[in-house]
Each structure stands twice: as structure tokens, then as C-alpha cells.
Amino acid sequence: MRFLIVRTEIRTVADADIAAAWAGGSRLRDETSTPEPRRQVVHAEDRDAALLLARALSAVGAVRAGRHRVKVLPIEEPAPGHPYRWDGG
């Protein structure tokens, strides 16, 4: 299975938006409608390689300072017999 490793900027949110989302029970961030801006994208052929690359990207100063985040996303469907396991085993 292939994976996409993405380093994105974390959008700042105003206190009023946080309070409104909390009070209304809605989501503060919705990645499907407004994804965070991407800074770096890498792909890996297996889970171990993806996690190794994610660990390396997590060492970037902006990630450690909390301005960016690293996401590991599967880009192929998991095995039908194991819908919640990404390694297909």
C-alpha cells in the first residue's frame, strides 16, 4: 500500500471561532472543504517507510514549534478482509 506524507501549515483560529464551534457542536476545521496549506509532500511505498519519513519531517523546526503538522495518509484502499488495518495483514 502506498502512503502520502504531507507537512502542512496549521491555520490560526480566532477565539470567537473556537467559542462558536464549541457552542454549536460543529467542527472547527474541516479538511474536506478547506484543507490546510501544504508545505511539503512525499510518498512512500509501505507503512514503515512512511513512518520513517514522517519522523524525519517531524524534526523540522516549524513542526517542533507547532506551526506545521505532519500527516500520513493512505492513498490506496486497505484489504477488504481488514478494513481497519493499513498493512493488509
N, C-alpha and C. Protein backbone atom coordinates (compact mmCIF):
# COMPACT_ATOMS: atom_id res chain seq x y z
N MET A 1 0.83 -1.17 0.00
CA MET A 1 0.00 0.00 0.00
C MET A 1 0.88 1.24 0.00
N ARG A 2 0.46 2.24 -0.72
CA ARG A 2 1.23 3.48 -0.79
C ARG A 2 0.67 4.51 0.19
N PHE A 3 1.54 5.39 0.64
CA PHE A 3 1.16 6.43 1.59
C PHE A 3 1.63 7.78 1.11
N LEU A 4 0.91 8.80 1.51
CA LEU A 4 1.28 10.18 1.24
C LEU A 4 1.64 10.82 2.57
N ILE A 5 2.81 11.44 2.63
CA ILE A 5 3.25 12.13 3.84
C ILE A 5 3.23 13.62 3.51
N VAL A 6 2.46 14.38 4.29
CA VAL A 6 2.23 15.78 3.99
C VAL A 6 2.60 16.63 5.20
N ARG A 7 3.39 17.68 4.95
CA ARG A 7 3.66 18.68 6.00
C ARG A 7 2.84 19.90 5.66
N THR A 8 1.95 20.30 6.57
CA THR A 8 1.04 21.41 6.32
C THR A 8 1.22 22.50 7.36
N GLU A 9 0.78 23.69 7.00
CA GLU A 9 0.74 24.79 7.96
C GLU A 9 -0.51 24.64 8.82
N ILE A 10 -0.40 25.00 10.08
CA ILE A 10 -1.57 24.98 10.95
C ILE A 10 -2.19 26.36 10.90
N ARG A 11 -3.45 26.40 10.50
CA ARG A 11 -4.14 27.69 10.44
C ARG A 11 -4.45 28.17 11.84
N THR A 12 -4.24 29.46 12.06
CA THR A 12 -4.61 30.03 13.34
C THR A 12 -6.11 30.26 13.35
N VAL A 13 -6.69 30.18 14.54
CA VAL A 13 -8.13 30.33 14.69
C VAL A 13 -8.39 31.38 15.76
N ALA A 14 -9.32 32.25 15.47
CA ALA A 14 -9.68 33.30 16.44
C ALA A 14 -10.46 32.69 17.60
N ASP A 15 -10.34 33.29 18.76
CA ASP A 15 -11.04 32.80 19.94
C ASP A 15 -12.55 32.76 19.73
N ALA A 16 -13.09 33.73 19.00
CA ALA A 16 -14.53 33.76 18.74
C ALA A 16 -14.97 32.55 17.92
N ASP A 17 -14.12 32.12 16.96
CA ASP A 17 -14.43 30.94 16.15
C ASP A 17 -14.41 29.68 16.99
N ILE A 18 -13.48 29.60 17.91
CA ILE A 18 -13.40 28.44 18.79
C ILE A 18 -14.66 28.37 19.66
N ALA A 19 -15.05 29.51 20.22
CA ALA A 19 -16.25 29.54 21.08
C ALA A 19 -17.49 29.19 20.28
N ALA A 20 -17.61 29.69 19.05
CA ALA A 20 -18.78 29.40 18.21
C ALA A 20 -18.84 27.91 17.85
N ALA A 21 -17.71 27.32 17.51
CA ALA A 21 -17.68 25.89 17.17
C ALA A 21 -18.02 25.05 18.39
N TRP A 22 -17.50 25.43 19.54
CA TRP A 22 -17.77 24.70 20.78
C TRP A 22 -19.25 24.78 21.13
N ALA A 23 -19.82 25.97 21.05
CA ALA A 23 -21.23 26.17 21.41
C ALA A 23 -22.18 25.50 20.43
N GLY A 24 -21.82 25.54 19.15
CA GLY A 24 -22.70 24.97 18.13
C GLY A 24 -22.49 23.49 17.88
N GLY A 25 -21.47 22.91 18.47
CA GLY A 25 -21.19 21.49 18.26
C GLY A 25 -20.65 21.18 16.87
N SER A 26 -20.17 22.20 16.18
CA SER A 26 -19.63 21.98 14.84
C SER A 26 -18.12 21.77 14.91
N ARG A 27 -17.56 21.40 13.76
CA ARG A 27 -16.12 21.19 13.68
C ARG A 27 -15.42 22.52 13.43
N LEU A 28 -14.30 22.69 14.06
CA LEU A 28 -13.54 23.92 13.89
C LEU A 28 -12.81 23.92 12.55
N ARG A 29 -12.22 22.80 12.21
CA ARG A 29 -11.52 22.66 10.94
C ARG A 29 -12.12 21.49 10.18
N ASP A 30 -12.38 21.70 8.91
CA ASP A 30 -12.89 20.64 8.05
C ASP A 30 -11.95 20.49 6.87
N GLU A 31 -11.13 19.48 6.91
CA GLU A 31 -10.10 19.28 5.89
C GLU A 31 -10.70 18.97 4.52
N THR A 32 -11.94 18.46 4.47
CA THR A 32 -12.52 18.15 3.17
C THR A 32 -12.94 19.39 2.42
N SER A 33 -13.34 20.43 3.11
CA SER A 33 -13.78 21.65 2.43
C SER A 33 -12.66 22.70 2.34
N THR A 34 -11.86 22.85 3.37
CA THR A 34 -10.76 23.82 3.36
C THR A 34 -9.51 23.18 3.96
N PRO A 35 -8.76 22.46 3.14
CA PRO A 35 -7.54 21.82 3.67
C PRO A 35 -6.48 22.85 4.06
N GLU A 36 -5.63 22.45 4.98
CA GLU A 36 -4.52 23.32 5.39
C GLU A 36 -3.53 23.44 4.24
N PRO A 37 -2.88 24.59 4.10
CA PRO A 37 -1.89 24.77 3.02
C PRO A 37 -0.72 23.79 3.16
N ARG A 38 -0.38 23.14 2.07
CA ARG A 38 0.71 22.16 2.07
C ARG A 38 2.05 22.86 1.92
N ARG A 39 3.04 22.38 2.65
CA ARG A 39 4.40 22.89 2.55
C ARG A 39 5.31 21.87 1.89
N GLN A 40 5.03 20.59 2.10
CA GLN A 40 5.89 19.55 1.55
C GLN A 40 5.08 18.28 1.40
N VAL A 41 5.26 17.56 0.29
CA VAL A 41 4.55 16.32 0.04
C VAL A 41 5.54 15.27 -0.43
N VAL A 42 5.48 14.09 0.18
CA VAL A 42 6.35 12.97 -0.17
C VAL A 42 5.49 11.72 -0.19
N HIS A 43 5.85 10.73 -1.02
CA HIS A 43 5.10 9.48 -0.96
C HIS A 43 6.04 8.34 -0.60
N ALA A 44 5.44 7.28 -0.05
CA ALA A 44 6.20 6.10 0.35
C ALA A 44 5.44 4.86 -0.11
N GLU A 45 6.17 3.80 -0.38
CA GLU A 45 5.56 2.57 -0.88
C GLU A 45 5.02 1.66 0.21
N ASP A 46 5.47 1.81 1.44
CA ASP A 46 4.94 0.97 2.52
C ASP A 46 4.84 1.78 3.82
N ARG A 47 4.20 1.19 4.81
CA ARG A 47 3.91 1.89 6.06
C ARG A 47 5.19 2.24 6.83
N ASP A 48 6.13 1.31 6.88
CA ASP A 48 7.37 1.56 7.62
C ASP A 48 8.14 2.74 7.02
N ALA A 49 8.21 2.79 5.70
CA ALA A 49 8.90 3.91 5.04
C ALA A 49 8.15 5.22 5.29
N ALA A 50 6.81 5.16 5.28
CA ALA A 50 6.01 6.36 5.53
C ALA A 50 6.24 6.89 6.93
N LEU A 51 6.29 6.01 7.91
CA LEU A 51 6.51 6.45 9.29
C LEU A 51 7.92 6.99 9.47
N LEU A 52 8.89 6.41 8.79
CA LEU A 52 10.27 6.90 8.87
C LEU A 52 10.36 8.31 8.27
N LEU A 53 9.72 8.52 7.14
CA LEU A 53 9.72 9.85 6.52
C LEU A 53 8.96 10.86 7.39
N ALA A 54 7.85 10.42 7.99
CA ALA A 54 7.09 11.32 8.87
C ALA A 54 7.91 11.71 10.08
N ARG A 55 8.66 10.77 10.62
CA ARG A 55 9.52 11.07 11.76
C ARG A 55 10.60 12.09 11.37
N ALA A 56 11.15 11.94 10.18
CA ALA A 56 12.16 12.89 9.71
C ALA A 56 11.56 14.28 9.51
N LEU A 57 10.36 14.35 8.93
CA LEU A 57 9.71 15.65 8.73
C LEU A 57 9.30 16.28 10.06
N SER A 58 9.06 15.46 11.05
CA SER A 58 8.68 15.98 12.37
C SER A 58 9.84 16.68 13.07
N ALA A 59 11.04 16.46 12.58
CA ALA A 59 12.21 17.11 13.18
C ALA A 59 12.41 18.54 12.67
N VAL A 60 11.62 18.94 11.68
CA VAL A 60 11.72 20.30 11.14
C VAL A 60 11.32 21.29 12.23
N GLY A 61 12.02 22.40 12.30
CA GLY A 61 11.79 23.37 13.36
C GLY A 61 10.36 23.88 13.45
N ALA A 62 9.72 24.11 12.29
CA ALA A 62 8.35 24.63 12.30
C ALA A 62 7.37 23.61 12.88
N VAL A 63 7.63 22.32 12.66
CA VAL A 63 6.78 21.28 13.24
C VAL A 63 6.98 21.22 14.74
N ARG A 64 8.23 21.26 15.15
CA ARG A 64 8.53 21.21 16.58
C ARG A 64 8.00 22.43 17.32
N ALA A 65 7.93 23.58 16.62
CA ALA A 65 7.42 24.81 17.24
C ALA A 65 5.90 24.88 17.21
N GLY A 66 5.24 23.94 16.52
CA GLY A 66 3.79 23.93 16.49
C GLY A 66 3.15 24.76 15.39
N ARG A 67 3.95 25.20 14.41
CA ARG A 67 3.39 25.98 13.30
C ARG A 67 3.00 25.10 12.12
N HIS A 68 3.59 23.92 12.02
CA HIS A 68 3.27 22.96 10.96
C HIS A 68 2.92 21.63 11.62
N ARG A 69 2.26 20.76 10.83
CA ARG A 69 2.00 19.40 11.30
C ARG A 69 2.30 18.42 10.18
N VAL A 70 2.55 17.17 10.55
CA VAL A 70 2.85 16.12 9.59
C VAL A 70 1.71 15.12 9.62
N LYS A 71 1.23 14.76 8.43
CA LYS A 71 0.13 13.81 8.31
C LYS A 71 0.57 12.65 7.43
N VAL A 72 0.18 11.44 7.79
CA VAL A 72 0.45 10.25 6.99
C VAL A 72 -0.91 9.72 6.52
N LEU A 73 -1.10 9.71 5.21
CA LEU A 73 -2.39 9.34 4.64
C LEU A 73 -2.25 8.15 3.70
N PRO A 74 -3.07 7.11 3.87
CA PRO A 74 -3.05 6.01 2.91
C PRO A 74 -3.70 6.47 1.61
N ILE A 75 -3.13 6.10 0.47
CA ILE A 75 -3.70 6.52 -0.80
C ILE A 75 -4.23 5.34 -1.61
N GLU A 76 -4.32 4.20 -0.99
CA GLU A 76 -4.97 3.04 -1.60
C GLU A 76 -5.87 2.42 -0.55
N GLU A 77 -6.90 1.75 -1.00
CA GLU A 77 -7.84 1.12 -0.08
C GLU A 77 -7.17 -0.04 0.66
N PRO A 78 -7.51 -0.25 1.95
CA PRO A 78 -6.98 -1.41 2.68
C PRO A 78 -7.61 -2.69 2.15
N ALA A 79 -7.05 -3.79 2.54
CA ALA A 79 -7.57 -5.09 2.13
C ALA A 79 -9.02 -5.24 2.60
N PRO A 80 -9.91 -5.78 1.78
CA PRO A 80 -11.32 -5.87 2.15
C PRO A 80 -11.57 -6.69 3.41
N GLY A 81 -10.75 -7.68 3.68
CA GLY A 81 -10.92 -8.50 4.87
C GLY A 81 -10.54 -7.80 6.15
N HIS A 82 -9.75 -6.74 6.05
CA HIS A 82 -9.28 -6.00 7.23
C HIS A 82 -9.48 -4.51 6.98
N PRO A 83 -10.71 -4.01 7.13
CA PRO A 83 -10.97 -2.61 6.77
C PRO A 83 -10.26 -1.58 7.66
N TYR A 84 -9.80 -1.98 8.84
CA TYR A 84 -9.18 -1.01 9.73
C TYR A 84 -7.67 -1.20 9.85
N ARG A 85 -7.11 -2.07 9.05
CA ARG A 85 -5.66 -2.28 9.08
C ARG A 85 -5.08 -1.83 7.76
N TRP A 86 -4.06 -1.01 7.82
CA TRP A 86 -3.45 -0.48 6.61
C TRP A 86 -2.40 -1.40 6.01
N ASP A 87 -1.91 -2.32 6.80
CA ASP A 87 -0.84 -3.19 6.27
C ASP A 87 -1.41 -4.40 5.55
N GLY A 88 -2.75 -4.57 5.54
CA GLY A 88 -3.37 -5.66 4.82
C GLY A 88 -3.17 -7.02 5.46
N GLY A 89 -2.51 -7.05 6.64
CA GLY A 89 -2.24 -8.34 7.29
C GLY A 89 -3.27 -8.76 8.28
